[in-house]
Amino acid sequence: MKINQMKKDELFEGFYLIKKAELRKTRAGKDYLAMTFQDDSGEISGNLWDAQPHNVEEFTPGKVVHMQGRREVYNGAPQVNQITLRNVKEGEPNDPADFREKSPVDIAEIRDYLEGMMFKIENATWQRIVRTLYRKFDKAFFTYPAAKTNHHAFENGLAYHTATMVRLADSIGDIYPNLNKSLLFAGIMLHDLAKCIELSGVDGTEYTIRGNLIGHIALVNEEITKAIIELGIEDDREDVTVLRHVVLSHHGQLEYGSPVRPRIMEAEIIHLIDNIDAEMMMMTTALTQVEDGEMTSRIFALENRSFYKPKL
């Protein structure tokens, strides 16, 4: 049974990918595994109580297992309980790639769309920088998630998030013609590109050493610097400066990781669009995992709020 088809208090069984398995202790000092299971329809959490040492060795992230259990709601959040796990047998599904959530749009369509939108970057400097860096990170960019857990945390999520933001910017630029669409497109296409360096990849996504110690905002600024040196572009040009500014400021606040706050209109719009798409994806993902009339789990990145799914 698919995760998004599970009903409240219903028994189920099926094959699922272990996304997370953390060894913890109860207040009584007994070991248990706090787990997250995934298939291509979503993910759900649950605890394997009284975990034995061989359970910890067997049931590791990135492994496909057969699970029986009951889908319940605890503190308003969906979870699986009464879990029984076993390893898959010969002939049963066992390829982790089949269980990963993917973007709702075909990646070939996303690639074609972004390639087409590059031609709409009218400033030659910006277009050359974007094309240079997209060639450099081509495989990773069209494969990686956009985050470890929060938003677009699935295969192809980085490219999907980027393409959605470009679509929003294109429409907003029609409404507000004083915005420079070329700068919006170039800035958006680059803003999260260094997630390819910050994150480890699709399976068992973790932060790399550079991701933890430097972060994708500083890393993409570094990549832009490398690109302009390679292309022989002067780094004190205004078009280079404003491109770097919209990328560096896209988190909006210093406490959220941006070294500068948005100081031109295009930078502010990119920051707002980034938040719109990230928040919409976080809410959408959470709401697909609950039934009508239920509340989602609390979403830490949205002020720890839970959201209600109306019976409409």
Foldseek 3Di string as FASTA:
>chain_A
DALLPADAFDKDKDKWFWLAWDWDADPVGAIKTWTWTFFQLAIATDIGGNDDPVNVVPRHGGWMWIWIFTWHADPQAIHTPPIDIDHDDPPGDIHSVRGWHDDPDDLVVLVVQLVVVLVVLPPPLLSQLLVVLCVVCVVQQQFAALDCPQFSLTTSNNSVLLSQLLVVLVVVCVVVVVDDSSLLNSLSSQQRSCVSVQWDGHGNIDGDPCCVPPNRLNVSLVSSVVSCVVVVHDCPDPVNVVSNLLSLALCQDVVSPRPDHDDDPSSVSSNVSSVVSSVVRNLVSQVSSDDAQTWGAQRVVVVRDIHHHHPD
